[in-house]
Amino acid sequence: MNGKPKVAVVGAAGYTGRELAHLVVRHPSIDDAVFFLRDGAEEGRRVNCLSELYPELRGRGEAPCRTFSLEAVATSGATVALLATPHEVSAEIAWPLAEAGLKVIDLSGALRFRDGEIFTEWYGLSPAPASVLGEAVYGLPELHAAELRRARVVANPGCYPTAVILGLKPLIEAGWIDRERGIVCDAKSGVSGAGKQPKRETHFVEVNENFRAYGLFTHRHTPEITEQLGLGAGEMIFTTHLLPIERGILATLYVWLGEARQGAEVEGLFRAFYAGRPMVRIRPAGELPELRHVTHTNFCDLGFALDRDGKQLVVVSCLDNLGKGAAGQAVQNLNLMHGLGETEGLL
C-alpha cells in the first residue's frame, strides 16, 4: 500500500501512546489521525481532543479522541491501526481489524511468536488466533524491511529485544561467537519501560537513588530474543535492571569469539551488516555509546570493546525504549508498509 496513511492509535493514554501521539501529529505524510481511549476518558474526565489529553500539543494535536470499540476503529476511515494496548487486548482485536481491511502494527507482545503456546507460557495469557500469528511479520526493519513492505500485520519488537538483537545479530550471522561458552546480556531500562499502570516497585520512593535487578531467568522478553537470534536453551543469560531514570535502555552484551579478531574487523562487520540502515549508528572501535545520545530519538547506537587477545568482545547497545524500542519503531514500520521514506517523521 502506497500513499499517505490515515492512522488510528488505539490506547493513546499510556506512555507509548503519548510517544505515538507526538510522532503522528508531526508526521508530514499522515493526512488524518484519530486516537482511541478504552472508555473515552482519562483520570475520570471525558477527553474529546488529543490536546486535552496532552496539553503540550495545543495548536498541533487537535485530532479527535474517541471511545474505543472494534466497530469505531474499523469505520473510522483509518488505513492503519497502531495498537498500544495490553497484550490480551491486542490478541483479541488485531485479527478482526486486519480482516476489516486495516493494516495493523501491534506494540504489545501478543503477536511476536509463531507458536501461541510460547506466548501463553511466558505471558500467562491466551494467544491470538493462529491465523494472525502465522501472518504477522516481526517488525525489526533492520532485519525484515522487504517483508515489512508487503505486510498486513506487524508485531513490533520489544524494547529490550530490539537492543539485544541489533547488538548480537551481525556476530551470530557471521558465526564469530563461541556459543558453547555462552552469551551474557546485561540490560538496564528506565522506569517508563514498566508502563503507566501504578506498581509498588515503580513508585518514586522505590526507584529514586536505587538500582536493582529483576526478572532473572523469568523475563518474558527472553524467548523473543532467543527465537529471533536462533539461540538454543542455555546459550544465553539475560538479566534486566531498573534504572532510576525516565527512559532509555543500555544493554551490555558479553561474548567470546571463536577466533581472535582485530577491532577493525569487528567494526567492519557491523558497518557492513547495517549499511543502508539509517536508524543504527555504529561507533568507532573502543568508543561506547551513552543513553543521553539516544533518548528522544529513534536511533540505536552500537559500540564495542575488544580485549588484548582479540577473543573477548563486549558490545554496548543503546536506544530509547519509547522511541526505537516502541513508538518510533512502529512509525518506522508504518513508513515501510506505506512506501514512504523509512526515516520520515523520525528525524
C-alpha atoms as a PDB file:
ATOM      1  CA  MET A   1       0.000   0.000   0.000  1.00  0.00           C
ATOM      2  CA  ASN A   2       1.497   3.295  -1.099  1.00  0.00           C
ATOM      3  CA  GLY A   3       0.221   6.781  -0.350  1.00  0.00           C
ATOM      4  CA  LYS A   4      -0.474   8.831   2.736  1.00  0.00           C
ATOM      5  CA  PRO A   5      -1.787   6.720   5.621  1.00  0.00           C
ATOM      6  CA  LYS A   6      -4.755   7.587   7.791  1.00  0.00           C
ATOM      7  CA  VAL A   7      -3.918   6.449  11.292  1.00  0.00           C
ATOM      8  CA  ALA A   8      -5.868   5.131  14.259  1.00  0.00           C
ATOM      9  CA  VAL A   9      -3.922   4.980  17.523  1.00  0.00           C
ATOM     10  CA  VAL A  10      -5.612   2.582  19.926  1.00  0.00           C
ATOM     11  CA  GLY A  11      -4.507   3.042  23.515  1.00  0.00           C
ATOM     12  CA  ALA A  12      -3.483   6.672  23.356  1.00  0.00           C
ATOM     13  CA  ALA A  13      -3.283   7.279  27.107  1.00  0.00           C
ATOM     14  CA  GLY A  14      -0.199   5.209  28.002  1.00  0.00           C
ATOM     15  CA  TYR A  15       3.449   6.217  27.776  1.00  0.00           C
ATOM     16  CA  THR A  16       3.815   4.570  24.377  1.00  0.00           C
ATOM     17  CA  GLY A  17       0.528   6.119  23.263  1.00  0.00           C
ATOM     18  CA  ARG A  18       1.830   9.541  24.217  1.00  0.00           C
ATOM     19  CA  GLU A  19       5.012   8.970  22.229  1.00  0.00           C
ATOM     20  CA  LEU A  20       2.940   7.825  19.258  1.00  0.00           C
ATOM     21  CA  ALA A  21       0.794  10.949  19.531  1.00  0.00           C
ATOM     22  CA  HIS A  22       3.833  13.226  19.282  1.00  0.00           C
ATOM     23  CA  LEU A  23       5.200  11.311  16.291  1.00  0.00           C
ATOM     24  CA  VAL A  24       1.901  11.008  14.430  1.00  0.00           C
ATOM     25  CA  VAL A  25       0.843  14.659  14.673  1.00  0.00           C
ATOM     26  CA  ARG A  26       4.169  15.899  13.295  1.00  0.00           C
ATOM     27  CA  HIS A  27       4.492  13.250  10.570  1.00  0.00           C
ATOM     28  CA  PRO A  28       4.478  15.044   7.188  1.00  0.00           C
ATOM     29  CA  SER A  29       2.734  12.210   5.326  1.00  0.00           C
ATOM     30  CA  ILE A  30      -0.049  11.372   7.761  1.00  0.00           C
ATOM     31  CA  ASP A  31      -3.146  13.060   6.419  1.00  0.00           C
ATOM     32  CA  ASP A  32      -5.502  12.254   9.225  1.00  0.00           C
ATOM     33  CA  ALA A  33      -5.388  10.629  12.660  1.00  0.00           C
ATOM     34  CA  VAL A  34      -7.841   9.579  15.323  1.00  0.00           C
ATOM     35  CA  PHE A  35      -6.971   8.455  18.843  1.00  0.00           C
ATOM     36  CA  PHE A  36      -8.922   5.915  20.861  1.00  0.00           C
ATOM     37  CA  LEU A  37      -9.215   5.603  24.643  1.00  0.00           C
ATOM     38  CA  ARG A  38     -10.585   2.466  26.221  1.00  0.00           C
ATOM     39  CA  ASP A  39     -13.568   4.194  27.840  1.00  0.00           C
ATOM     40  CA  GLY A  40     -13.280   7.639  26.247  1.00  0.00           C
ATOM     41  CA  ALA A  41     -11.926   9.122  29.462  1.00  0.00           C
ATOM     42  CA  GLU A  42      -8.650   9.573  31.294  1.00  0.00           C
ATOM     43  CA  GLU A  43      -8.294  10.107  35.033  1.00  0.00           C
ATOM     44  CA  GLY A  44     -12.058  10.430  35.366  1.00  0.00           C
ATOM     45  CA  ARG A  45     -12.555  13.153  32.794  1.00  0.00           C
ATOM     46  CA  ARG A  46     -14.029  12.940  29.336  1.00  0.00           C
ATOM     47  CA  VAL A  47     -11.497  13.563  26.565  1.00  0.00           C
ATOM     48  CA  ASN A  48     -12.660  14.725  23.143  1.00  0.00           C
ATOM     49  CA  CYS A  49      -9.438  16.032  21.641  1.00  0.00           C
ATOM     50  CA  LEU A  50      -5.803  14.963  21.745  1.00  0.00           C
ATOM     51  CA  SER A  51      -4.647  18.320  23.106  1.00  0.00           C
ATOM     52  CA  GLU A  52      -6.947  17.831  26.101  1.00  0.00           C
ATOM     53  CA  LEU A  53      -5.026  14.662  26.871  1.00  0.00           C
ATOM     54  CA  TYR A  54      -1.617  16.196  26.101  1.00  0.00           C
ATOM     55  CA  PRO A  55      -1.728  19.991  26.501  1.00  0.00           C
ATOM     56  CA  GLU A  56       1.774  20.372  25.051  1.00  0.00           C
ATOM     57  CA  LEU A  57       0.222  19.512  21.669  1.00  0.00           C
ATOM     58  CA  ARG A  58      -2.153  22.505  21.625  1.00  0.00           C
ATOM     59  CA  GLY A  59      -2.060  24.072  18.211  1.00  0.00           C
ATOM     60  CA  ARG A  60      -0.602  20.869  16.703  1.00  0.00           C
ATOM     61  CA  GLY A  61      -2.606  17.985  18.065  1.00  0.00           C
ATOM     62  CA  GLU A  62      -6.286  18.782  17.686  1.00  0.00           C
ATOM     63  CA  ALA A  63      -7.067  15.278  16.425  1.00  0.00           C
ATOM     64  CA  PRO A  64     -10.212  13.691  17.884  1.00  0.00           C
ATOM     65  CA  CYS A  65     -10.199  11.233  20.779  1.00  0.00           C
ATOM     66  CA  ARG A  66     -12.951   8.634  20.759  1.00  0.00           C
ATOM     67  CA  THR A  67     -14.174   5.785  22.879  1.00  0.00           C
ATOM     68  CA  PHE A  68     -12.672   2.520  21.709  1.00  0.00           C
ATOM     69  CA  SER A  69     -14.673  -0.238  20.091  1.00  0.00           C
ATOM     70  CA  LEU A  70     -13.783  -2.548  17.239  1.00  0.00           C
ATOM     71  CA  GLU A  71     -16.532  -1.034  15.124  1.00  0.00           C
ATOM     72  CA  ALA A  72     -15.409   2.523  15.872  1.00  0.00           C
ATOM     73  CA  VAL A  73     -11.850   1.775  14.732  1.00  0.00           C
ATOM     74  CA  ALA A  74     -12.934  -0.249  11.698  1.00  0.00           C
ATOM     75  CA  THR A  75     -15.277   2.513  10.491  1.00  0.00           C
ATOM     76  CA  SER A  76     -13.009   5.449  11.370  1.00  0.00           C
ATOM     77  CA  GLY A  77     -11.600   5.730   7.851  1.00  0.00           C
ATOM     78  CA  ALA A  78      -8.142   4.719   9.076  1.00  0.00           C
ATOM     79  CA  THR A  79      -5.919   2.668   6.792  1.00  0.00           C
ATOM     80  CA  VAL A  80      -3.603   1.523   9.586  1.00  0.00           C
ATOM     81  CA  ALA A  81      -4.137   0.861  13.295  1.00  0.00           C
ATOM     82  CA  LEU A  82      -1.325   1.271  15.818  1.00  0.00           C
ATOM     83  CA  LEU A  83      -2.178  -0.843  18.860  1.00  0.00           C
ATOM     84  CA  ALA A  84      -0.634   0.497  22.069  1.00  0.00           C
ATOM     85  CA  THR A  85      -2.864  -1.846  24.008  1.00  0.00           C
ATOM     86  CA  PRO A  86      -2.342  -4.535  26.679  1.00  0.00           C
ATOM     87  CA  HIS A  87      -1.230  -7.927  25.385  1.00  0.00           C
ATOM     88  CA  GLU A  88      -4.616  -9.562  25.922  1.00  0.00           C
ATOM     89  CA  VAL A  89      -6.451  -6.743  24.126  1.00  0.00           C
ATOM     90  CA  SER A  90      -4.135  -6.887  21.123  1.00  0.00           C
ATOM     91  CA  ALA A  91      -4.554 -10.664  20.947  1.00  0.00           C
ATOM     92  CA  GLU A  92      -8.299 -10.142  20.696  1.00  0.00           C
ATOM     93  CA  ILE A  93      -8.579  -7.213  18.285  1.00  0.00           C
ATOM     94  CA  ALA A  94      -5.637  -7.470  15.870  1.00  0.00           C
ATOM     95  CA  TRP A  95      -7.156 -10.063  13.546  1.00  0.00           C
ATOM     96  CA  PRO A  96     -10.668  -8.513  13.332  1.00  0.00           C
ATOM     97  CA  LEU A  97      -9.104  -5.167  12.401  1.00  0.00           C
ATOM     98  CA  ALA A  98      -6.933  -6.787   9.740  1.00  0.00           C
ATOM     99  CA  GLU A  99      -9.980  -8.619   8.379  1.00  0.00           C
ATOM    100  CA  ALA A 100     -11.794  -5.272   8.260  1.00  0.00           C
ATOM    101  CA  GLY A 101      -9.133  -4.037   5.835  1.00  0.00           C
ATOM    102  CA  LEU A 102      -6.776  -2.108   8.101  1.00  0.00           C
ATOM    103  CA  LYS A 103      -3.069  -2.674   8.307  1.00  0.00           C
ATOM    104  CA  VAL A 104      -2.164  -3.433  11.915  1.00  0.00           C
ATOM    105  CA  ILE A 105       1.009  -2.647  13.868  1.00  0.00           C
ATOM    106  CA  ASP A 106       0.826  -4.132  17.346  1.00  0.00           C
ATOM    107  CA  LEU A 107       3.171  -2.791  20.009  1.00  0.00           C
ATOM    108  CA  SER A 108       2.352  -5.450  22.607  1.00  0.00           C
ATOM    109  CA  GLY A 109       3.879  -8.913  22.853  1.00  0.00           C
ATOM    110  CA  ALA A 110       0.748 -10.670  21.589  1.00  0.00           C
ATOM    111  CA  LEU A 111       1.884 -11.333  18.013  1.00  0.00           C
ATOM    112  CA  ARG A 112       5.642 -11.832  18.385  1.00  0.00           C
ATOM    113  CA  PHE A 113       5.629 -15.637  18.472  1.00  0.00           C
ATOM    114  CA  ARG A 114       4.522 -18.003  15.715  1.00  0.00           C
ATOM    115  CA  ASP A 115       3.718 -20.555  18.411  1.00  0.00           C
ATOM    116  CA  GLY A 116       0.932 -19.306  20.646  1.00  0.00           C
ATOM    117  CA  GLU A 117       1.953 -21.739  23.381  1.00  0.00           C
ATOM    118  CA  ILE A 118       5.189 -19.785  23.915  1.00  0.00           C
ATOM    119  CA  PHE A 119       3.164 -16.625  24.482  1.00  0.00           C
ATOM    120  CA  THR A 120       0.902 -18.408  26.953  1.00  0.00           C
ATOM    121  CA  GLU A 121       3.855 -19.945  28.805  1.00  0.00           C
ATOM    122  CA  TRP A 122       5.706 -16.654  29.303  1.00  0.00           C
ATOM    123  CA  TYR A 123       2.819 -14.167  29.478  1.00  0.00           C
ATOM    124  CA  GLY A 124       0.182 -16.347  31.164  1.00  0.00           C
ATOM    125  CA  LEU A 125      -2.471 -15.224  28.659  1.00  0.00           C
ATOM    126  CA  SER A 126      -4.492 -16.797  25.881  1.00  0.00           C
ATOM    127  CA  PRO A 127      -2.807 -16.372  22.477  1.00  0.00           C
ATOM    128  CA  ALA A 128      -4.098 -14.627  19.386  1.00  0.00           C
ATOM    129  CA  PRO A 129      -5.612 -16.810  16.643  1.00  0.00           C
ATOM    130  CA  ALA A 130      -3.106 -18.942  14.737  1.00  0.00           C
ATOM    131  CA  SER A 131      -4.109 -17.155  11.527  1.00  0.00           C
ATOM    132  CA  VAL A 132      -2.777 -13.794  12.690  1.00  0.00           C
ATOM    133  CA  LEU A 133       0.302 -15.300  14.372  1.00  0.00           C
ATOM    134  CA  GLY A 134       1.189 -17.017  11.110  1.00  0.00           C
ATOM    135  CA  GLU A 135       0.841 -13.818   9.117  1.00  0.00           C
ATOM    136  CA  ALA A 136       2.467 -11.299  11.464  1.00  0.00           C
ATOM    137  CA  VAL A 137       5.877 -10.010  10.388  1.00  0.00           C
ATOM    138  CA  TYR A 138       8.387  -9.344  13.153  1.00  0.00           C
ATOM    139  CA  GLY A 139       8.836  -5.595  12.870  1.00  0.00           C
ATOM    140  CA  LEU A 140      12.575  -5.081  13.109  1.00  0.00           C
ATOM    141  CA  PRO A 141      13.255  -3.069   9.927  1.00  0.00           C
ATOM    142  CA  GLU A 142      16.994  -3.687  10.001  1.00  0.00           C
ATOM    143  CA  LEU A 143      16.317  -7.405   9.500  1.00  0.00           C
ATOM    144  CA  HIS A 144      12.939  -7.610   7.757  1.00  0.00           C
ATOM    145  CA  ALA A 145      12.495  -4.499   5.607  1.00  0.00           C
ATOM    146  CA  ALA A 146      11.463  -6.447   2.486  1.00  0.00           C
ATOM    147  CA  GLU A 147       8.739  -8.385   4.319  1.00  0.00           C
ATOM    148  CA  LEU A 148       7.522  -5.241   6.071  1.00  0.00           C
ATOM    149  CA  ARG A 149       6.909  -3.500   2.773  1.00  0.00           C
ATOM    150  CA  ARG A 150       4.373  -6.227   1.940  1.00  0.00           C
ATOM    151  CA  ALA A 151       2.991  -6.796   5.434  1.00  0.00           C
ATOM    152  CA  ARG A 152      -0.600  -6.518   6.536  1.00  0.00           C
ATOM    153  CA  VAL A 153       0.091  -7.318  10.215  1.00  0.00           C
ATOM    154  CA  VAL A 154       3.272  -6.367  12.087  1.00  0.00           C
ATOM    155  CA  ALA A 155       4.441  -7.438  15.529  1.00  0.00           C
ATOM    156  CA  ASN A 156       6.507  -4.534  16.835  1.00  0.00           C
ATOM    157  CA  PRO A 157       9.511  -5.920  18.774  1.00  0.00           C
ATOM    158  CA  GLY A 158      10.012  -5.453  22.471  1.00  0.00           C
ATOM    159  CA  CYS A 159      12.359  -2.729  23.691  1.00  0.00           C
ATOM    160  CA  TYR A 160      14.942  -4.995  25.320  1.00  0.00           C
ATOM    161  CA  PRO A 161      14.892  -7.448  22.371  1.00  0.00           C
ATOM    162  CA  THR A 162      15.489  -4.614  19.896  1.00  0.00           C
ATOM    163  CA  ALA A 163      18.639  -3.551  21.751  1.00  0.00           C
ATOM    164  CA  VAL A 164      19.951  -7.080  22.222  1.00  0.00           C
ATOM    165  CA  ILE A 165      19.127  -8.407  18.748  1.00  0.00           C
ATOM    166  CA  LEU A 166      20.687  -5.432  16.965  1.00  0.00           C
ATOM    167  CA  GLY A 167      23.810  -5.798  19.101  1.00  0.00           C
ATOM    168  CA  LEU A 168      24.276  -9.540  18.507  1.00  0.00           C
ATOM    169  CA  LYS A 169      22.799 -10.345  15.101  1.00  0.00           C
ATOM    170  CA  PRO A 170      25.858  -9.443  12.960  1.00  0.00           C
ATOM    171  CA  LEU A 171      28.116 -11.619  15.120  1.00  0.00           C
ATOM    172  CA  ILE A 172      25.717 -14.578  15.075  1.00  0.00           C
ATOM    173  CA  GLU A 173      25.126 -14.326  11.329  1.00  0.00           C
ATOM    174  CA  ALA A 174      28.877 -14.309  10.732  1.00  0.00           C
ATOM    175  CA  GLY A 175      29.393 -17.305  13.028  1.00  0.00           C
ATOM    176  CA  TRP A 176      32.003 -15.468  15.067  1.00  0.00           C
ATOM    177  CA  ILE A 177      30.670 -16.289  18.544  1.00  0.00           C
ATOM    178  CA  ASP A 178      31.846 -19.298  20.523  1.00  0.00           C
ATOM    179  CA  ARG A 179      28.317 -20.229  21.538  1.00  0.00           C
ATOM    180  CA  GLU A 180      29.428 -23.091  23.774  1.00  0.00           C
ATOM    181  CA  ARG A 181      30.842 -20.509  26.194  1.00  0.00           C
ATOM    182  CA  GLY A 182      27.503 -18.732  26.353  1.00  0.00           C
ATOM    183  CA  ILE A 183      26.334 -15.163  25.827  1.00  0.00           C
ATOM    184  CA  VAL A 184      25.623 -12.761  28.691  1.00  0.00           C
ATOM    185  CA  CYS A 185      23.134  -9.946  28.140  1.00  0.00           C
ATOM    186  CA  ASP A 186      23.166  -7.395  30.958  1.00  0.00           C
ATOM    187  CA  ALA A 187      20.420  -4.844  30.203  1.00  0.00           C
ATOM    188  CA  LYS A 188      19.137  -1.772  32.020  1.00  0.00           C
ATOM    189  CA  SER A 189      15.986   0.270  31.390  1.00  0.00           C
ATOM    190  CA  GLY A 190      14.334   3.462  32.524  1.00  0.00           C
ATOM    191  CA  VAL A 191      11.105   3.266  34.526  1.00  0.00           C
ATOM    192  CA  SER A 192       8.790   4.121  31.624  1.00  0.00           C
ATOM    193  CA  GLY A 193       9.509   0.631  30.293  1.00  0.00           C
ATOM    194  CA  ALA A 194       7.323  -0.736  33.100  1.00  0.00           C
ATOM    195  CA  GLY A 195       4.257   1.043  31.716  1.00  0.00           C
ATOM    196  CA  LYS A 196       1.883   3.600  33.189  1.00  0.00           C
ATOM    197  CA  GLN A 197      -0.075   1.286  35.466  1.00  0.00           C
ATOM    198  CA  PRO A 198       0.990   2.061  39.057  1.00  0.00           C
ATOM    199  CA  LYS A 199       3.070  -0.611  40.780  1.00  0.00           C
ATOM    200  CA  ARG A 200       4.758  -0.515  44.180  1.00  0.00           C
ATOM    201  CA  GLU A 201       8.203  -1.168  42.718  1.00  0.00           C
ATOM    202  CA  THR A 202       7.944   1.777  40.299  1.00  0.00           C
ATOM    203  CA  HIS A 203       6.858   4.395  42.843  1.00  0.00           C
ATOM    204  CA  PHE A 204       9.262   7.317  43.100  1.00  0.00           C
ATOM    205  CA  VAL A 205      10.479   6.386  46.588  1.00  0.00           C
ATOM    206  CA  GLU A 206      11.245   2.820  45.440  1.00  0.00           C
ATOM    207  CA  VAL A 207      13.130   3.889  42.304  1.00  0.00           C
ATOM    208  CA  ASN A 208      14.881   7.105  43.273  1.00  0.00           C
ATOM    209  CA  GLU A 209      18.545   6.617  44.266  1.00  0.00           C
ATOM    210  CA  ASN A 210      18.096   2.886  43.808  1.00  0.00           C
ATOM    211  CA  PHE A 211      19.179   0.278  41.275  1.00  0.00           C
ATOM    212  CA  ARG A 212      18.006  -3.309  41.147  1.00  0.00           C
ATOM    213  CA  ALA A 213      17.895  -6.412  39.018  1.00  0.00           C
ATOM    214  CA  TYR A 214      14.611  -8.137  38.245  1.00  0.00           C
ATOM    215  CA  GLY A 215      13.150 -10.978  36.189  1.00  0.00           C
ATOM    216  CA  LEU A 216      16.219 -13.227  36.456  1.00  0.00           C
ATOM    217  CA  PHE A 217      15.610 -16.293  34.252  1.00  0.00           C
ATOM    218  CA  THR A 218      11.927 -15.334  34.027  1.00  0.00           C
ATOM    219  CA  HIS A 219      11.828 -12.161  31.919  1.00  0.00           C
ATOM    220  CA  ARG A 220       9.200 -12.530  29.197  1.00  0.00           C
ATOM    221  CA  HIS A 221      11.483 -10.985  26.568  1.00  0.00           C
ATOM    222  CA  THR A 222      13.879 -13.930  26.869  1.00  0.00           C
ATOM    223  CA  PRO A 223      12.139 -16.244  24.363  1.00  0.00           C
ATOM    224  CA  GLU A 224      11.668 -13.378  21.915  1.00  0.00           C
ATOM    225  CA  ILE A 225      15.421 -12.755  21.879  1.00  0.00           C
ATOM    226  CA  THR A 226      16.428 -16.402  21.606  1.00  0.00           C
ATOM    227  CA  GLU A 227      13.863 -17.113  18.878  1.00  0.00           C
ATOM    228  CA  GLN A 228      14.942 -14.167  16.725  1.00  0.00           C
ATOM    229  CA  LEU A 229      18.647 -14.924  17.172  1.00  0.00           C
ATOM    230  CA  GLY A 230      18.279 -18.676  16.734  1.00  0.00           C
ATOM    231  CA  LEU A 231      19.787 -19.415  20.140  1.00  0.00           C
ATOM    232  CA  GLY A 232      19.145 -22.644  21.982  1.00  0.00           C
ATOM    233  CA  ALA A 233      18.303 -23.205  25.611  1.00  0.00           C
ATOM    234  CA  GLY A 234      21.233 -22.407  27.863  1.00  0.00           C
ATOM    235  CA  GLU A 235      23.178 -20.397  25.268  1.00  0.00           C
ATOM    236  CA  MET A 236      22.231 -17.014  26.743  1.00  0.00           C
ATOM    237  CA  ILE A 237      21.796 -15.441  30.162  1.00  0.00           C
ATOM    238  CA  PHE A 238      19.543 -12.376  30.064  1.00  0.00           C
ATOM    239  CA  THR A 239      19.356 -10.130  33.120  1.00  0.00           C
ATOM    240  CA  THR A 240      17.405  -6.877  33.343  1.00  0.00           C
ATOM    241  CA  HIS A 241      17.790  -3.943  35.735  1.00  0.00           C
ATOM    242  CA  LEU A 242      15.673  -0.918  36.593  1.00  0.00           C
ATOM    243  CA  LEU A 243      17.442   2.439  36.353  1.00  0.00           C
ATOM    244  CA  PRO A 244      16.215   5.476  38.325  1.00  0.00           C
ATOM    245  CA  ILE A 245      15.621   7.422  35.100  1.00  0.00           C
ATOM    246  CA  GLU A 246      12.605   8.078  32.884  1.00  0.00           C
ATOM    247  CA  ARG A 247      13.625   6.472  29.592  1.00  0.00           C
ATOM    248  CA  GLY A 248      16.382   4.652  27.763  1.00  0.00           C
ATOM    249  CA  ILE A 249      17.904   1.168  27.513  1.00  0.00           C
ATOM    250  CA  LEU A 250      21.567   0.261  27.705  1.00  0.00           C
ATOM    251  CA  ALA A 251      22.419  -3.378  27.008  1.00  0.00           C
ATOM    252  CA  THR A 252      25.938  -4.655  27.661  1.00  0.00           C
ATOM    253  CA  LEU A 253      26.499  -7.884  25.710  1.00  0.00           C
ATOM    254  CA  TYR A 254      29.404 -10.189  26.599  1.00  0.00           C
ATOM    255  CA  VAL A 255      30.574 -12.786  24.067  1.00  0.00           C
ATOM    256  CA  TRP A 256      33.612 -14.981  23.434  1.00  0.00           C
ATOM    257  CA  LEU A 257      34.825 -15.229  19.851  1.00  0.00           C
ATOM    258  CA  GLY A 258      35.757 -18.475  18.166  1.00  0.00           C
ATOM    259  CA  GLU A 259      38.978 -16.963  16.838  1.00  0.00           C
ATOM    260  CA  ALA A 260      40.897 -13.802  17.608  1.00  0.00           C
ATOM    261  CA  ARG A 261      39.786 -10.644  15.804  1.00  0.00           C
ATOM    262  CA  GLN A 262      41.060  -7.113  15.391  1.00  0.00           C
ATOM    263  CA  GLY A 263      38.983  -4.077  16.297  1.00  0.00           C
ATOM    264  CA  ALA A 264      38.873  -3.005  12.662  1.00  0.00           C
ATOM    265  CA  GLU A 265      37.405  -6.382  11.711  1.00  0.00           C
ATOM    266  CA  VAL A 266      34.619  -6.091  14.270  1.00  0.00           C
ATOM    267  CA  GLU A 267      33.799  -2.534  13.273  1.00  0.00           C
ATOM    268  CA  GLY A 268      33.818  -3.539   9.608  1.00  0.00           C
ATOM    269  CA  LEU A 269      31.437  -6.408  10.270  1.00  0.00           C
ATOM    270  CA  PHE A 270      28.908  -4.143  11.983  1.00  0.00           C
ATOM    271  CA  ARG A 271      29.199  -1.388   9.381  1.00  0.00           C
ATOM    272  CA  ALA A 272      28.707  -3.839   6.525  1.00  0.00           C
ATOM    273  CA  PHE A 273      25.750  -5.537   8.205  1.00  0.00           C
ATOM    274  CA  TYR A 274      23.920  -2.270   8.862  1.00  0.00           C
ATOM    275  CA  ALA A 275      24.939  -0.469   5.670  1.00  0.00           C
ATOM    276  CA  GLY A 276      21.945   1.463   4.392  1.00  0.00           C
ATOM    277  CA  ARG A 277      20.069   1.072   7.691  1.00  0.00           C
ATOM    278  CA  PRO A 278      19.618   4.705   8.778  1.00  0.00           C
ATOM    279  CA  MET A 279      18.444   4.113  12.344  1.00  0.00           C
ATOM    280  CA  VAL A 280      21.510   2.172  13.514  1.00  0.00           C
ATOM    281  CA  ARG A 281      24.684   4.158  14.235  1.00  0.00           C
ATOM    282  CA  ILE A 282      27.999   2.355  14.632  1.00  0.00           C
ATOM    283  CA  ARG A 283      30.692   3.852  16.870  1.00  0.00           C
ATOM    284  CA  PRO A 284      34.402   3.521  16.039  1.00  0.00           C
ATOM    285  CA  ALA A 285      36.291   0.732  17.808  1.00  0.00           C
ATOM    286  CA  GLY A 286      36.597   1.435  21.528  1.00  0.00           C
ATOM    287  CA  GLU A 287      34.093   4.315  21.541  1.00  0.00           C
ATOM    288  CA  LEU A 288      30.997   3.426  23.534  1.00  0.00           C
ATOM    289  CA  PRO A 289      27.500   4.934  23.285  1.00  0.00           C
ATOM    290  CA  GLU A 290      25.601   6.509  26.162  1.00  0.00           C
ATOM    291  CA  LEU A 291      21.902   6.862  26.920  1.00  0.00           C
ATOM    292  CA  ARG A 292      21.937  10.638  26.563  1.00  0.00           C
ATOM    293  CA  HIS A 293      22.970  10.194  22.932  1.00  0.00           C
ATOM    294  CA  VAL A 294      19.797   8.281  22.015  1.00  0.00           C
ATOM    295  CA  THR A 295      16.952   9.420  24.269  1.00  0.00           C
ATOM    296  CA  HIS A 296      14.115  11.161  22.412  1.00  0.00           C
ATOM    297  CA  THR A 297      15.388   9.668  19.130  1.00  0.00           C
ATOM    298  CA  ASN A 298      14.720   6.574  17.021  1.00  0.00           C
ATOM    299  CA  PHE A 299      18.399   5.612  16.830  1.00  0.00           C
ATOM    300  CA  CYS A 300      20.086   2.525  18.189  1.00  0.00           C
ATOM    301  CA  ASP A 301      23.759   3.239  18.845  1.00  0.00           C
ATOM    302  CA  LEU A 302      26.225   0.340  18.879  1.00  0.00           C
ATOM    303  CA  GLY A 303      29.787   0.363  20.212  1.00  0.00           C
ATOM    304  CA  PHE A 304      32.217  -2.285  21.354  1.00  0.00           C
ATOM    305  CA  ALA A 305      35.472  -3.064  23.127  1.00  0.00           C
ATOM    306  CA  LEU A 306      37.792  -5.982  22.397  1.00  0.00           C
ATOM    307  CA  ASP A 307      40.286  -7.450  24.840  1.00  0.00           C
ATOM    308  CA  ARG A 308      44.024  -7.600  24.053  1.00  0.00           C
ATOM    309  CA  ASP A 309      43.845 -11.210  22.911  1.00  0.00           C
ATOM    310  CA  GLY A 310      41.016 -10.423  20.487  1.00  0.00           C
ATOM    311  CA  LYS A 311      38.827 -13.204  21.867  1.00  0.00           C
ATOM    312  CA  GLN A 312      36.580 -11.454  24.414  1.00  0.00           C
ATOM    313  CA  LEU A 313      34.176  -8.887  22.984  1.00  0.00           C
ATOM    314  CA  VAL A 314      31.796  -6.533  24.778  1.00  0.00           C
ATOM    315  CA  VAL A 315      29.097  -4.843  22.683  1.00  0.00           C
ATOM    316  CA  VAL A 316      27.124  -1.898  24.102  1.00  0.00           C
ATOM    317  CA  SER A 317      23.721  -1.209  22.569  1.00  0.00           C
ATOM    318  CA  CYS A 318      21.756   1.945  23.474  1.00  0.00           C
ATOM    319  CA  LEU A 319      18.283   3.096  22.477  1.00  0.00           C
ATOM    320  CA  ASP A 320      15.222   4.917  23.773  1.00  0.00           C
ATOM    321  CA  ASN A 321      12.711   2.332  24.995  1.00  0.00           C
ATOM    322  CA  LEU A 322       9.811   4.597  23.962  1.00  0.00           C
ATOM    323  CA  GLY A 323      11.453   5.503  20.629  1.00  0.00           C
ATOM    324  CA  LYS A 324      13.326   2.772  18.771  1.00  0.00           C
ATOM    325  CA  GLY A 325      12.074   0.346  21.406  1.00  0.00           C
ATOM    326  CA  ALA A 326       8.386   1.102  20.808  1.00  0.00           C
ATOM    327  CA  ALA A 327       6.641   4.077  19.164  1.00  0.00           C
ATOM    328  CA  GLY A 328       9.475   5.236  16.909  1.00  0.00           C
ATOM    329  CA  GLN A 329       9.983   1.735  15.558  1.00  0.00           C
ATOM    330  CA  ALA A 330       6.230   1.450  14.938  1.00  0.00           C
ATOM    331  CA  VAL A 331       6.344   4.607  12.819  1.00  0.00           C
ATOM    332  CA  GLN A 332       9.426   3.275  11.017  1.00  0.00           C
ATOM    333  CA  ASN A 333       7.389   0.157  10.197  1.00  0.00           C
ATOM    334  CA  LEU A 334       4.412   2.267   9.137  1.00  0.00           C
ATOM    335  CA  ASN A 335       6.651   4.145   6.710  1.00  0.00           C
ATOM    336  CA  LEU A 336       7.882   0.929   5.120  1.00  0.00           C
ATOM    337  CA  MET A 337       4.363  -0.528   4.870  1.00  0.00           C
ATOM    338  CA  HIS A 338       3.127   2.556   3.032  1.00  0.00           C
ATOM    339  CA  GLY A 339       6.058   3.043   0.670  1.00  0.00           C
ATOM    340  CA  LEU A 340       7.302   6.156   2.460  1.00  0.00           C
ATOM    341  CA  GLY A 341      10.850   7.126   3.312  1.00  0.00           C
ATOM    342  CA  GLU A 342      11.942   4.960   6.236  1.00  0.00           C
ATOM    343  CA  THR A 343      13.013   7.898   8.400  1.00  0.00           C
ATOM    344  CA  GLU A 344      10.068  10.165   7.552  1.00  0.00           C
ATOM    345  CA  GLY A 345       8.699  11.838  10.655  1.00  0.00           C
ATOM    346  CA  LEU A 346      11.550  10.454  12.757  1.00  0.00           C
ATOM    347  CA  LEU A 347      14.444  12.836  12.075  1.00  0.00           C
END
